Amino acid sequence: MQIVRTIAVRVAQSLGLLLAVVVLNFTLLKLTPGDPALVIAGESGAADLELLEQIREDYGLNESYLTQLTTYVGNVVQGDLGDSFFFNQPVTKLIGARLWPTILLVASALAFAIVSGVSVGIFTARRPESPVSHFATILALIGYSMPVFWTGLLVIILFAAKLSILPISGMHDVTFDGNWLQSWVDIGEHLILPAFTLGFLYMAQYSRLSRASMLEVLQSDYVRTARAKGLGEQIVVYKHALRNAVIPVVTVAGLQFGSLISGALLVETVFNWPGLGRLAFDSVLRRDMPVLLGILLISASLVVAANLLTDLVYRLIDPRIRVGGKSS
């Protein structure tokens, strides 16, 4: 019951936070320069005063800020994110079609970063003075220093211009015609480079973090006790030390989830991945406020959900940890 109560409290706090995010995002976008009515009228090929007034009235743009905010928040609470100014479609429909590719990209990149980063960190911690450890350190520094869009451009040049072994654009081959299994294989091939590009930066961070954490844990009393009992090195490292050494990585990964989504938006633009990134980019250019607000809300919801999941993962890694700060 304790975990159920904790989850209920965190969910309630998260809903309050998301409400504050909705109000803040709406306010900031209203303060940005420009008139959405001009954008809408420009798409129709005319911008006379009568048409502009009609557009403002149709979309409620002539109402006061407080009235617009109250209306929007009320609609969001009911699950209605409004209609796109440019596409003239429900925002939920537009985002729904782009959401799962972004989640797939982010989840793949995060899994790659954590698994590879922790693996490299463990290996280098066990052999801190080996040439492989020094090489991994240099590689981590390079990876940490390179922005994701630059990494993306480099891998495009390498795998497109030089090797030509992996697709570099889109999520599907335009000429694809096969069954569902072949479809997933095709998606996987298109996913490799974007996921590597996004995950490489975080892999470098997690490898350094897990290395430092593992070096500290391997010097702890309970590890020395386990070795004194005659346990094998593999059991000592992967059963006793790894569980505590990976906790800082989980902490940082949860805190960095927002940055991971932001990086995904850039990577999607570089690789023409059909996720929220391209939709957000186009919406900024078109000043499509309902779509932008919807994307910001969904992104904030994903970050909040990731933080809640991080708290739950703590309990799986170490049952002594309690989300509320209590330990048994």
C-alpha atoms as a PDB file:
ATOM      1  CA  MET A   1       0.000   0.000   0.000  1.00  0.00           C
ATOM      2  CA  GLN A   2       2.946   2.324   0.652  1.00  0.00           C
ATOM      3  CA  ILE A   3       4.003   2.316  -2.987  1.00  0.00           C
ATOM      4  CA  VAL A   4       0.415   2.897  -4.148  1.00  0.00           C
ATOM      5  CA  ARG A   5       0.091   5.860  -1.802  1.00  0.00           C
ATOM      6  CA  THR A   6       3.416   7.245  -2.981  1.00  0.00           C
ATOM      7  CA  ILE A   7       2.446   6.929  -6.638  1.00  0.00           C
ATOM      8  CA  ALA A   8      -0.906   8.619  -5.974  1.00  0.00           C
ATOM      9  CA  VAL A   9       0.812  11.566  -4.280  1.00  0.00           C
ATOM     10  CA  ARG A  10       3.365  11.897  -7.103  1.00  0.00           C
ATOM     11  CA  VAL A  11       0.656  11.743  -9.764  1.00  0.00           C
ATOM     12  CA  ALA A  12      -1.305  14.499  -8.012  1.00  0.00           C
ATOM     13  CA  GLN A  13       1.839  16.635  -7.788  1.00  0.00           C
ATOM     14  CA  SER A  14       2.568  15.959 -11.452  1.00  0.00           C
ATOM     15  CA  LEU A  15      -0.899  17.082 -12.523  1.00  0.00           C
ATOM     16  CA  GLY A  16      -0.429  20.347 -10.645  1.00  0.00           C
ATOM     17  CA  LEU A  17       2.953  20.824 -12.281  1.00  0.00           C
ATOM     18  CA  LEU A  18       1.523  20.188 -15.753  1.00  0.00           C
ATOM     19  CA  LEU A  19      -1.222  22.744 -15.102  1.00  0.00           C
ATOM     20  CA  ALA A  20       1.443  25.312 -14.234  1.00  0.00           C
ATOM     21  CA  VAL A  21       3.337  24.359 -17.415  1.00  0.00           C
ATOM     22  CA  VAL A  22       0.204  24.911 -19.518  1.00  0.00           C
ATOM     23  CA  VAL A  23      -0.313  28.400 -18.043  1.00  0.00           C
ATOM     24  CA  LEU A  24       3.356  29.357 -18.398  1.00  0.00           C
ATOM     25  CA  ASN A  25       3.664  28.135 -21.995  1.00  0.00           C
ATOM     26  CA  PHE A  26       0.468  29.890 -23.033  1.00  0.00           C
ATOM     27  CA  THR A  27       1.640  33.139 -21.434  1.00  0.00           C
ATOM     28  CA  LEU A  28       5.098  33.024 -23.022  1.00  0.00           C
ATOM     29  CA  LEU A  29       3.737  32.311 -26.499  1.00  0.00           C
ATOM     30  CA  LYS A  30       1.215  35.138 -26.167  1.00  0.00           C
ATOM     31  CA  LEU A  31       4.077  37.496 -25.347  1.00  0.00           C
ATOM     32  CA  THR A  32       6.050  36.588 -28.466  1.00  0.00           C
ATOM     33  CA  PRO A  33       5.843  39.133 -31.297  1.00  0.00           C
ATOM     34  CA  GLY A  34       3.676  38.548 -34.334  1.00  0.00           C
ATOM     35  CA  ASP A  35       0.003  38.093 -35.126  1.00  0.00           C
ATOM     36  CA  PRO A  36      -1.300  34.572 -35.814  1.00  0.00           C
ATOM     37  CA  ALA A  37      -4.132  36.109 -37.827  1.00  0.00           C
ATOM     38  CA  LEU A  38      -1.587  37.451 -40.327  1.00  0.00           C
ATOM     39  CA  VAL A  39      -0.108  33.961 -40.718  1.00  0.00           C
ATOM     40  CA  ILE A  40      -3.525  32.405 -41.258  1.00  0.00           C
ATOM     41  CA  ALA A  41      -4.576  35.134 -43.676  1.00  0.00           C
ATOM     42  CA  GLY A  42      -1.294  34.840 -45.543  1.00  0.00           C
ATOM     43  CA  GLU A  43      -1.958  31.164 -46.194  1.00  0.00           C
ATOM     44  CA  SER A  44      -5.282  32.088 -47.783  1.00  0.00           C
ATOM     45  CA  GLY A  45      -3.616  34.627 -50.073  1.00  0.00           C
ATOM     46  CA  ALA A  46      -5.219  37.736 -48.596  1.00  0.00           C
ATOM     47  CA  ALA A  47      -4.634  39.987 -45.592  1.00  0.00           C
ATOM     48  CA  ASP A  48      -7.186  42.843 -45.683  1.00  0.00           C
ATOM     49  CA  LEU A  49      -8.466  44.263 -42.388  1.00  0.00           C
ATOM     50  CA  GLU A  50     -11.922  42.759 -42.696  1.00  0.00           C
ATOM     51  CA  LEU A  51     -10.513  39.276 -43.181  1.00  0.00           C
ATOM     52  CA  LEU A  52      -8.096  39.720 -40.280  1.00  0.00           C
ATOM     53  CA  GLU A  53     -10.896  40.766 -37.945  1.00  0.00           C
ATOM     54  CA  GLN A  54     -12.989  37.811 -39.043  1.00  0.00           C
ATOM     55  CA  ILE A  55     -10.089  35.423 -38.410  1.00  0.00           C
ATOM     56  CA  ARG A  56      -9.471  36.885 -34.947  1.00  0.00           C
ATOM     57  CA  GLU A  57     -13.134  36.478 -34.112  1.00  0.00           C
ATOM     58  CA  ASP A  58     -13.324  32.905 -35.455  1.00  0.00           C
ATOM     59  CA  TYR A  59     -10.263  31.787 -33.500  1.00  0.00           C
ATOM     60  CA  GLY A  60     -11.006  33.855 -30.392  1.00  0.00           C
ATOM     61  CA  LEU A  61      -7.876  35.950 -30.849  1.00  0.00           C
ATOM     62  CA  ASN A  62      -9.747  39.175 -30.144  1.00  0.00           C
ATOM     63  CA  GLU A  63     -10.635  38.056 -26.623  1.00  0.00           C
ATOM     64  CA  SER A  64      -8.701  39.213 -23.559  1.00  0.00           C
ATOM     65  CA  TYR A  65      -5.685  37.261 -22.368  1.00  0.00           C
ATOM     66  CA  LEU A  66      -7.493  35.978 -19.288  1.00  0.00           C
ATOM     67  CA  THR A  67     -10.476  34.807 -21.344  1.00  0.00           C
ATOM     68  CA  GLN A  68      -8.257  33.019 -23.850  1.00  0.00           C
ATOM     69  CA  LEU A  69      -6.222  31.402 -21.042  1.00  0.00           C
ATOM     70  CA  THR A  70      -9.312  30.235 -19.157  1.00  0.00           C
ATOM     71  CA  THR A  71     -10.840  28.798 -22.324  1.00  0.00           C
ATOM     72  CA  TYR A  72      -7.649  27.009 -23.289  1.00  0.00           C
ATOM     73  CA  VAL A  73      -7.023  25.525 -19.835  1.00  0.00           C
ATOM     74  CA  GLY A  74     -10.617  24.332 -19.670  1.00  0.00           C
ATOM     75  CA  ASN A  75     -10.287  22.644 -23.048  1.00  0.00           C
ATOM     76  CA  VAL A  76      -6.971  21.016 -22.072  1.00  0.00           C
ATOM     77  CA  VAL A  77      -8.503  19.590 -18.907  1.00  0.00           C
ATOM     78  CA  GLN A  78     -11.136  17.964 -21.140  1.00  0.00           C
ATOM     79  CA  GLY A  79      -8.449  16.559 -23.454  1.00  0.00           C
ATOM     80  CA  ASP A  80      -9.023  19.098 -26.239  1.00  0.00           C
ATOM     81  CA  LEU A  81      -5.800  20.786 -27.423  1.00  0.00           C
ATOM     82  CA  GLY A  82      -7.585  22.838 -30.067  1.00  0.00           C
ATOM     83  CA  ASP A  83      -7.183  22.931 -33.843  1.00  0.00           C
ATOM     84  CA  SER A  84      -4.091  23.771 -35.845  1.00  0.00           C
ATOM     85  CA  PHE A  85      -4.109  27.200 -37.468  1.00  0.00           C
ATOM     86  CA  PHE A  86      -2.200  25.900 -40.500  1.00  0.00           C
ATOM     87  CA  PHE A  87      -3.394  22.315 -40.973  1.00  0.00           C
ATOM     88  CA  ASN A  88      -6.976  22.986 -39.813  1.00  0.00           C
ATOM     89  CA  GLN A  89      -6.933  19.635 -37.988  1.00  0.00           C
ATOM     90  CA  PRO A  90      -7.205  18.697 -34.300  1.00  0.00           C
ATOM     91  CA  VAL A  91      -3.874  19.078 -32.545  1.00  0.00           C
ATOM     92  CA  THR A  92      -4.332  15.712 -30.826  1.00  0.00           C
ATOM     93  CA  LYS A  93      -4.554  14.048 -34.237  1.00  0.00           C
ATOM     94  CA  LEU A  94      -1.417  15.772 -35.541  1.00  0.00           C
ATOM     95  CA  ILE A  95       0.604  14.996 -32.422  1.00  0.00           C
ATOM     96  CA  GLY A  96      -0.746  11.463 -32.156  1.00  0.00           C
ATOM     97  CA  ALA A  97       0.589  10.642 -35.614  1.00  0.00           C
ATOM     98  CA  ARG A  98       4.056  11.992 -34.710  1.00  0.00           C
ATOM     99  CA  LEU A  99       4.322  10.955 -31.062  1.00  0.00           C
ATOM    100  CA  TRP A 100       5.243   7.286 -31.302  1.00  0.00           C
ATOM    101  CA  PRO A 101       8.195   7.838 -33.705  1.00  0.00           C
ATOM    102  CA  THR A 102       9.632  10.314 -31.195  1.00  0.00           C
ATOM    103  CA  ILE A 103       9.076   7.915 -28.277  1.00  0.00           C
ATOM    104  CA  LEU A 104      10.701   5.109 -30.298  1.00  0.00           C
ATOM    105  CA  LEU A 105      13.729   7.287 -31.052  1.00  0.00           C
ATOM    106  CA  VAL A 106      14.113   8.555 -27.481  1.00  0.00           C
ATOM    107  CA  ALA A 107      13.646   5.097 -25.915  1.00  0.00           C
ATOM    108  CA  SER A 108      16.138   3.496 -28.317  1.00  0.00           C
ATOM    109  CA  ALA A 109      18.726   6.220 -27.754  1.00  0.00           C
ATOM    110  CA  LEU A 110      18.303   6.063 -23.972  1.00  0.00           C
ATOM    111  CA  ALA A 111      18.596   2.265 -23.907  1.00  0.00           C
ATOM    112  CA  PHE A 112      21.711   2.413 -26.096  1.00  0.00           C
ATOM    113  CA  ALA A 113      23.264   5.151 -23.935  1.00  0.00           C
ATOM    114  CA  ILE A 114      22.626   3.406 -20.621  1.00  0.00           C
ATOM    115  CA  VAL A 115      23.583  -0.126 -21.680  1.00  0.00           C
ATOM    116  CA  SER A 116      26.704   0.851 -23.615  1.00  0.00           C
ATOM    117  CA  GLY A 117      27.716   3.596 -21.176  1.00  0.00           C
ATOM    118  CA  VAL A 118      27.412   1.378 -18.097  1.00  0.00           C
ATOM    119  CA  SER A 119      29.186  -1.503 -19.878  1.00  0.00           C
ATOM    120  CA  VAL A 120      32.096   0.718 -20.860  1.00  0.00           C
ATOM    121  CA  GLY A 121      32.174   2.233 -17.383  1.00  0.00           C
ATOM    122  CA  ILE A 122      32.359  -1.177 -15.691  1.00  0.00           C
ATOM    123  CA  PHE A 123      35.071  -2.413 -18.038  1.00  0.00           C
ATOM    124  CA  THR A 124      37.261   0.669 -17.564  1.00  0.00           C
ATOM    125  CA  ALA A 125      36.710   0.649 -13.777  1.00  0.00           C
ATOM    126  CA  ARG A 126      37.985  -2.911 -13.554  1.00  0.00           C
ATOM    127  CA  ARG A 127      41.042  -2.022 -15.691  1.00  0.00           C
ATOM    128  CA  PRO A 128      41.584   1.696 -14.951  1.00  0.00           C
ATOM    129  CA  GLU A 129      45.168   1.830 -16.288  1.00  0.00           C
ATOM    130  CA  SER A 130      44.700  -0.230 -19.446  1.00  0.00           C
ATOM    131  CA  PRO A 131      45.043   1.297 -22.943  1.00  0.00           C
ATOM    132  CA  VAL A 132      41.360   0.497 -23.576  1.00  0.00           C
ATOM    133  CA  SER A 133      40.403   2.541 -20.506  1.00  0.00           C
ATOM    134  CA  HIS A 134      42.406   5.538 -21.718  1.00  0.00           C
ATOM    135  CA  PHE A 135      40.884   5.217 -25.190  1.00  0.00           C
ATOM    136  CA  ALA A 136      37.390   5.077 -23.700  1.00  0.00           C
ATOM    137  CA  THR A 137      38.140   8.205 -21.672  1.00  0.00           C
ATOM    138  CA  ILE A 138      39.236  10.103 -24.772  1.00  0.00           C
ATOM    139  CA  LEU A 139      36.209   8.852 -26.722  1.00  0.00           C
ATOM    140  CA  ALA A 140      33.902   9.933 -23.891  1.00  0.00           C
ATOM    141  CA  LEU A 141      35.404  13.427 -23.872  1.00  0.00           C
ATOM    142  CA  ILE A 142      34.935  13.677 -27.636  1.00  0.00           C
ATOM    143  CA  GLY A 143      31.368  12.438 -27.415  1.00  0.00           C
ATOM    144  CA  TYR A 144      30.542  14.828 -24.586  1.00  0.00           C
ATOM    145  CA  SER A 145      31.974  17.790 -26.515  1.00  0.00           C
ATOM    146  CA  MET A 146      30.126  17.216 -29.806  1.00  0.00           C
ATOM    147  CA  PRO A 147      26.566  18.588 -30.188  1.00  0.00           C
ATOM    148  CA  VAL A 148      24.047  16.100 -31.522  1.00  0.00           C
ATOM    149  CA  PHE A 149      23.443  17.897 -34.824  1.00  0.00           C
ATOM    150  CA  TRP A 150      27.182  17.877 -35.591  1.00  0.00           C
ATOM    151  CA  THR A 151      27.429  14.188 -34.749  1.00  0.00           C
ATOM    152  CA  GLY A 152      24.457  13.581 -37.030  1.00  0.00           C
ATOM    153  CA  LEU A 153      26.103  15.365 -39.935  1.00  0.00           C
ATOM    154  CA  LEU A 154      29.310  13.374 -39.449  1.00  0.00           C
ATOM    155  CA  VAL A 155      27.568   9.999 -39.435  1.00  0.00           C
ATOM    156  CA  ILE A 156      25.558  11.016 -42.508  1.00  0.00           C
ATOM    157  CA  ILE A 157      28.780  11.812 -44.346  1.00  0.00           C
ATOM    158  CA  LEU A 158      30.367   8.561 -43.194  1.00  0.00           C
ATOM    159  CA  PHE A 159      27.484   6.164 -43.819  1.00  0.00           C
ATOM    160  CA  ALA A 160      26.029   7.886 -46.893  1.00  0.00           C
ATOM    161  CA  ALA A 161      28.901   9.417 -48.797  1.00  0.00           C
ATOM    162  CA  LYS A 162      31.581   6.885 -47.860  1.00  0.00           C
ATOM    163  CA  LEU A 163      30.076   3.528 -46.893  1.00  0.00           C
ATOM    164  CA  SER A 164      26.473   3.664 -48.159  1.00  0.00           C
ATOM    165  CA  ILE A 165      25.363   0.859 -45.852  1.00  0.00           C
ATOM    166  CA  LEU A 166      22.574   2.490 -43.813  1.00  0.00           C
ATOM    167  CA  PRO A 167      19.628   4.749 -44.712  1.00  0.00           C
ATOM    168  CA  ILE A 168      20.010   8.323 -43.530  1.00  0.00           C
ATOM    169  CA  SER A 169      16.575   9.859 -44.019  1.00  0.00           C
ATOM    170  CA  GLY A 170      13.021   9.140 -42.971  1.00  0.00           C
ATOM    171  CA  MET A 171      11.540   6.192 -41.106  1.00  0.00           C
ATOM    172  CA  HIS A 172      10.631   3.960 -44.056  1.00  0.00           C
ATOM    173  CA  ASP A 173      12.053   3.255 -47.467  1.00  0.00           C
ATOM    174  CA  VAL A 174       9.827   5.078 -49.982  1.00  0.00           C
ATOM    175  CA  THR A 175       9.778   1.951 -52.159  1.00  0.00           C
ATOM    176  CA  PHE A 176       9.063  -0.443 -49.270  1.00  0.00           C
ATOM    177  CA  ASP A 177       6.461  -3.139 -49.906  1.00  0.00           C
ATOM    178  CA  GLY A 178       6.470  -6.031 -47.462  1.00  0.00           C
ATOM    179  CA  ASN A 179       4.845  -7.668 -44.433  1.00  0.00           C
ATOM    180  CA  TRP A 180       4.840  -6.386 -40.848  1.00  0.00           C
ATOM    181  CA  LEU A 181       8.091  -8.155 -39.924  1.00  0.00           C
ATOM    182  CA  GLN A 182       9.917  -6.667 -42.888  1.00  0.00           C
ATOM    183  CA  SER A 183       8.375  -3.307 -41.984  1.00  0.00           C
ATOM    184  CA  TRP A 184       9.911  -3.424 -38.501  1.00  0.00           C
ATOM    185  CA  VAL A 185      13.261  -4.463 -39.953  1.00  0.00           C
ATOM    186  CA  ASP A 186      13.079  -1.480 -42.288  1.00  0.00           C
ATOM    187  CA  ILE A 187      12.236   0.835 -39.375  1.00  0.00           C
ATOM    188  CA  GLY A 188      15.138  -0.625 -37.400  1.00  0.00           C
ATOM    189  CA  GLU A 189      17.588   0.095 -40.202  1.00  0.00           C
ATOM    190  CA  HIS A 190      16.400   3.700 -40.410  1.00  0.00           C
ATOM    191  CA  LEU A 191      16.533   4.011 -36.611  1.00  0.00           C
ATOM    192  CA  ILE A 192      20.190   3.029 -36.145  1.00  0.00           C
ATOM    193  CA  LEU A 193      21.828   6.312 -37.109  1.00  0.00           C
ATOM    194  CA  PRO A 194      19.375   8.704 -35.382  1.00  0.00           C
ATOM    195  CA  ALA A 195      19.410   6.617 -32.183  1.00  0.00           C
ATOM    196  CA  PHE A 196      23.213   6.405 -32.221  1.00  0.00           C
ATOM    197  CA  THR A 197      23.523  10.145 -32.844  1.00  0.00           C
ATOM    198  CA  LEU A 198      21.204  11.017 -29.986  1.00  0.00           C
ATOM    199  CA  GLY A 199      22.550   8.375 -27.608  1.00  0.00           C
ATOM    200  CA  PHE A 200      26.273   8.940 -28.248  1.00  0.00           C
ATOM    201  CA  LEU A 201      26.393  12.157 -26.204  1.00  0.00           C
ATOM    202  CA  TYR A 202      24.689  10.538 -23.216  1.00  0.00           C
ATOM    203  CA  MET A 203      26.645   7.303 -23.561  1.00  0.00           C
ATOM    204  CA  ALA A 204      29.823   9.319 -23.060  1.00  0.00           C
ATOM    205  CA  GLN A 205      28.427  10.891 -19.884  1.00  0.00           C
ATOM    206  CA  TYR A 206      27.101   7.634 -18.453  1.00  0.00           C
ATOM    207  CA  SER A 207      30.361   5.807 -19.115  1.00  0.00           C
ATOM    208  CA  ARG A 208      32.334   8.372 -17.119  1.00  0.00           C
ATOM    209  CA  LEU A 209      29.727   8.469 -14.370  1.00  0.00           C
ATOM    210  CA  SER A 210      29.441   4.690 -14.051  1.00  0.00           C
ATOM    211  CA  ARG A 211      33.234   4.342 -14.106  1.00  0.00           C
ATOM    212  CA  ALA A 212      33.650   6.774 -11.206  1.00  0.00           C
ATOM    213  CA  SER A 213      30.778   5.188  -9.294  1.00  0.00           C
ATOM    214  CA  MET A 214      32.070   1.639  -9.857  1.00  0.00           C
ATOM    215  CA  LEU A 215      35.594   2.598  -8.729  1.00  0.00           C
ATOM    216  CA  GLU A 216      34.126   3.931  -5.499  1.00  0.00           C
ATOM    217  CA  VAL A 217      31.858   0.940  -4.925  1.00  0.00           C
ATOM    218  CA  LEU A 218      34.657  -1.567  -5.576  1.00  0.00           C
ATOM    219  CA  GLN A 219      36.561  -0.023  -2.645  1.00  0.00           C
ATOM    220  CA  SER A 220      33.644  -0.351  -0.229  1.00  0.00           C
ATOM    221  CA  ASP A 221      33.617  -2.690   2.775  1.00  0.00           C
ATOM    222  CA  TYR A 222      30.861  -5.012   1.579  1.00  0.00           C
ATOM    223  CA  VAL A 223      32.684  -5.659  -1.701  1.00  0.00           C
ATOM    224  CA  ARG A 224      35.888  -6.490   0.148  1.00  0.00           C
ATOM    225  CA  THR A 225      33.859  -8.788   2.404  1.00  0.00           C
ATOM    226  CA  ALA A 226      32.334 -10.550  -0.610  1.00  0.00           C
ATOM    227  CA  ARG A 227      35.797 -11.112  -2.057  1.00  0.00           C
ATOM    228  CA  ALA A 228      37.091 -12.349   1.297  1.00  0.00           C
ATOM    229  CA  LYS A 229      34.334 -14.970   1.309  1.00  0.00           C
ATOM    230  CA  GLY A 230      35.779 -16.368  -1.917  1.00  0.00           C
ATOM    231  CA  LEU A 231      33.052 -15.216  -4.304  1.00  0.00           C
ATOM    232  CA  GLY A 232      34.016 -15.026  -7.962  1.00  0.00           C
ATOM    233  CA  GLU A 233      34.897 -11.670  -9.467  1.00  0.00           C
ATOM    234  CA  GLN A 234      31.939 -11.785 -11.852  1.00  0.00           C
ATOM    235  CA  ILE A 235      29.514 -12.308  -8.965  1.00  0.00           C
ATOM    236  CA  VAL A 236      31.135  -9.550  -6.918  1.00  0.00           C
ATOM    237  CA  VAL A 237      30.987  -7.042  -9.752  1.00  0.00           C
ATOM    238  CA  TYR A 238      27.672  -7.799 -11.401  1.00  0.00           C
ATOM    239  CA  LYS A 239      25.600  -8.982  -8.417  1.00  0.00           C
ATOM    240  CA  HIS A 240      26.934  -6.933  -5.503  1.00  0.00           C
ATOM    241  CA  ALA A 241      28.662  -3.832  -6.896  1.00  0.00           C
ATOM    242  CA  LEU A 242      26.665  -3.041 -10.036  1.00  0.00           C
ATOM    243  CA  ARG A 243      23.348  -2.479  -8.266  1.00  0.00           C
ATOM    244  CA  ASN A 244      24.729   0.391  -6.196  1.00  0.00           C
ATOM    245  CA  ALA A 245      27.054   1.697  -8.906  1.00  0.00           C
ATOM    246  CA  VAL A 246      24.228   2.150 -11.400  1.00  0.00           C
ATOM    247  CA  ILE A 247      22.069   4.321  -9.092  1.00  0.00           C
ATOM    248  CA  PRO A 248      23.838   7.603 -10.055  1.00  0.00           C
ATOM    249  CA  VAL A 249      23.352   6.742 -13.734  1.00  0.00           C
ATOM    250  CA  VAL A 250      19.622   6.219 -13.192  1.00  0.00           C
ATOM    251  CA  THR A 251      19.443   9.530 -11.317  1.00  0.00           C
ATOM    252  CA  VAL A 252      21.184  11.502 -14.049  1.00  0.00           C
ATOM    253  CA  ALA A 253      19.228   9.746 -16.815  1.00  0.00           C
ATOM    254  CA  GLY A 254      15.956  10.740 -15.169  1.00  0.00           C
ATOM    255  CA  LEU A 255      17.070  14.342 -14.746  1.00  0.00           C
ATOM    256  CA  GLN A 256      18.338  14.535 -18.331  1.00  0.00           C
ATOM    257  CA  PHE A 257      15.191  13.166 -19.950  1.00  0.00           C
ATOM    258  CA  GLY A 258      14.052  16.664 -20.867  1.00  0.00           C
ATOM    259  CA  SER A 259      17.372  17.345 -22.589  1.00  0.00           C
ATOM    260  CA  LEU A 260      17.045  14.010 -24.362  1.00  0.00           C
ATOM    261  CA  ILE A 261      13.687  15.049 -25.839  1.00  0.00           C
ATOM    262  CA  SER A 262      15.137  18.424 -26.877  1.00  0.00           C
ATOM    263  CA  GLY A 263      18.013  16.644 -28.569  1.00  0.00           C
ATOM    264  CA  ALA A 264      15.555  14.324 -30.290  1.00  0.00           C
ATOM    265  CA  LEU A 265      13.877  17.323 -31.897  1.00  0.00           C
ATOM    266  CA  LEU A 266      17.219  18.345 -33.438  1.00  0.00           C
ATOM    267  CA  VAL A 267      18.094  14.817 -34.519  1.00  0.00           C
ATOM    268  CA  GLU A 268      14.683  14.399 -36.155  1.00  0.00           C
ATOM    269  CA  THR A 269      15.310  17.513 -38.216  1.00  0.00           C
ATOM    270  CA  VAL A 270      18.779  16.312 -39.321  1.00  0.00           C
ATOM    271  CA  PHE A 271      17.564  12.829 -40.303  1.00  0.00           C
ATOM    272  CA  ASN A 272      14.094  13.884 -41.456  1.00  0.00           C
ATOM    273  CA  TRP A 273      12.621  11.527 -38.850  1.00  0.00           C
ATOM    274  CA  PRO A 274       8.814  11.953 -38.838  1.00  0.00           C
ATOM    275  CA  GLY A 275       8.426  12.785 -35.169  1.00  0.00           C
ATOM    276  CA  LEU A 276       7.492  15.821 -33.105  1.00  0.00           C
ATOM    277  CA  GLY A 277      10.730  17.615 -33.983  1.00  0.00           C
ATOM    278  CA  ARG A 278       9.829  18.397 -37.569  1.00  0.00           C
ATOM    279  CA  LEU A 279       6.275  19.297 -36.568  1.00  0.00           C
ATOM    280  CA  ALA A 280       7.607  21.681 -33.897  1.00  0.00           C
ATOM    281  CA  PHE A 281      10.011  23.280 -36.373  1.00  0.00           C
ATOM    282  CA  ASP A 282       7.276  23.859 -38.939  1.00  0.00           C
ATOM    283  CA  SER A 283       4.899  25.158 -36.255  1.00  0.00           C
ATOM    284  CA  VAL A 284       7.444  27.743 -35.095  1.00  0.00           C
ATOM    285  CA  LEU A 285       7.847  29.039 -38.648  1.00  0.00           C
ATOM    286  CA  ARG A 286       4.071  29.201 -39.128  1.00  0.00           C
ATOM    287  CA  ARG A 287       3.353  30.528 -35.626  1.00  0.00           C
ATOM    288  CA  ASP A 288       0.900  27.709 -35.136  1.00  0.00           C
ATOM    289  CA  MET A 289       0.288  28.289 -31.427  1.00  0.00           C
ATOM    290  CA  PRO A 290      -2.115  25.400 -30.722  1.00  0.00           C
ATOM    291  CA  VAL A 291       0.357  22.869 -32.143  1.00  0.00           C
ATOM    292  CA  LEU A 292       3.301  24.414 -30.297  1.00  0.00           C
ATOM    293  CA  LEU A 293       1.383  24.416 -27.021  1.00  0.00           C
ATOM    294  CA  GLY A 294       0.372  20.809 -27.593  1.00  0.00           C
ATOM    295  CA  ILE A 295       3.953  19.699 -28.303  1.00  0.00           C
ATOM    296  CA  LEU A 296       5.249  21.534 -25.220  1.00  0.00           C
ATOM    297  CA  LEU A 297       2.562  19.930 -23.063  1.00  0.00           C
ATOM    298  CA  ILE A 298       3.259  16.429 -24.379  1.00  0.00           C
ATOM    299  CA  SER A 299       7.012  16.935 -23.914  1.00  0.00           C
ATOM    300  CA  ALA A 300       6.492  18.108 -20.334  1.00  0.00           C
ATOM    301  CA  SER A 301       4.221  15.113 -19.690  1.00  0.00           C
ATOM    302  CA  LEU A 302       6.918  12.733 -20.944  1.00  0.00           C
ATOM    303  CA  VAL A 303       9.511  14.359 -18.670  1.00  0.00           C
ATOM    304  CA  VAL A 304       7.201  14.143 -15.648  1.00  0.00           C
ATOM    305  CA  ALA A 305       6.417  10.500 -16.436  1.00  0.00           C
ATOM    306  CA  ALA A 306      10.141   9.751 -16.776  1.00  0.00           C
ATOM    307  CA  ASN A 307      10.871  11.274 -13.371  1.00  0.00           C
ATOM    308  CA  LEU A 308       8.082   9.227 -11.791  1.00  0.00           C
ATOM    309  CA  LEU A 309       9.436   6.092 -13.460  1.00  0.00           C
ATOM    310  CA  THR A 310      12.919   6.925 -12.151  1.00  0.00           C
ATOM    311  CA  ASP A 311      11.593   6.953  -8.601  1.00  0.00           C
ATOM    312  CA  LEU A 312      10.038   3.531  -9.144  1.00  0.00           C
ATOM    313  CA  VAL A 313      13.248   2.152 -10.665  1.00  0.00           C
ATOM    314  CA  TYR A 314      15.081   3.191  -7.488  1.00  0.00           C
ATOM    315  CA  ARG A 315      12.917   0.784  -5.535  1.00  0.00           C
ATOM    316  CA  LEU A 316      13.675  -2.035  -7.960  1.00  0.00           C
ATOM    317  CA  ILE A 317      17.416  -1.420  -7.836  1.00  0.00           C
ATOM    318  CA  ASP A 318      17.618  -1.040  -4.062  1.00  0.00           C
ATOM    319  CA  PRO A 319      14.534  -1.811  -1.890  1.00  0.00           C
ATOM    320  CA  ARG A 320      16.077   0.221   0.942  1.00  0.00           C
ATOM    321  CA  ILE A 321      15.427   3.408  -0.989  1.00  0.00           C
ATOM    322  CA  ARG A 322      12.024   4.969  -0.398  1.00  0.00           C
ATOM    323  CA  VAL A 323      10.661   7.638  -2.703  1.00  0.00           C
ATOM    324  CA  GLY A 324       9.526   9.754   0.216  1.00  0.00           C
ATOM    325  CA  GLY A 325      12.997   9.796   1.711  1.00  0.00           C
ATOM    326  CA  LYS A 326      12.247   7.075   4.297  1.00  0.00           C
ATOM    327  CA  SER A 327      14.173   3.860   4.582  1.00  0.00           C
ATOM    328  CA  SER A 328      13.236   0.669   6.276  1.00  0.00           C
END
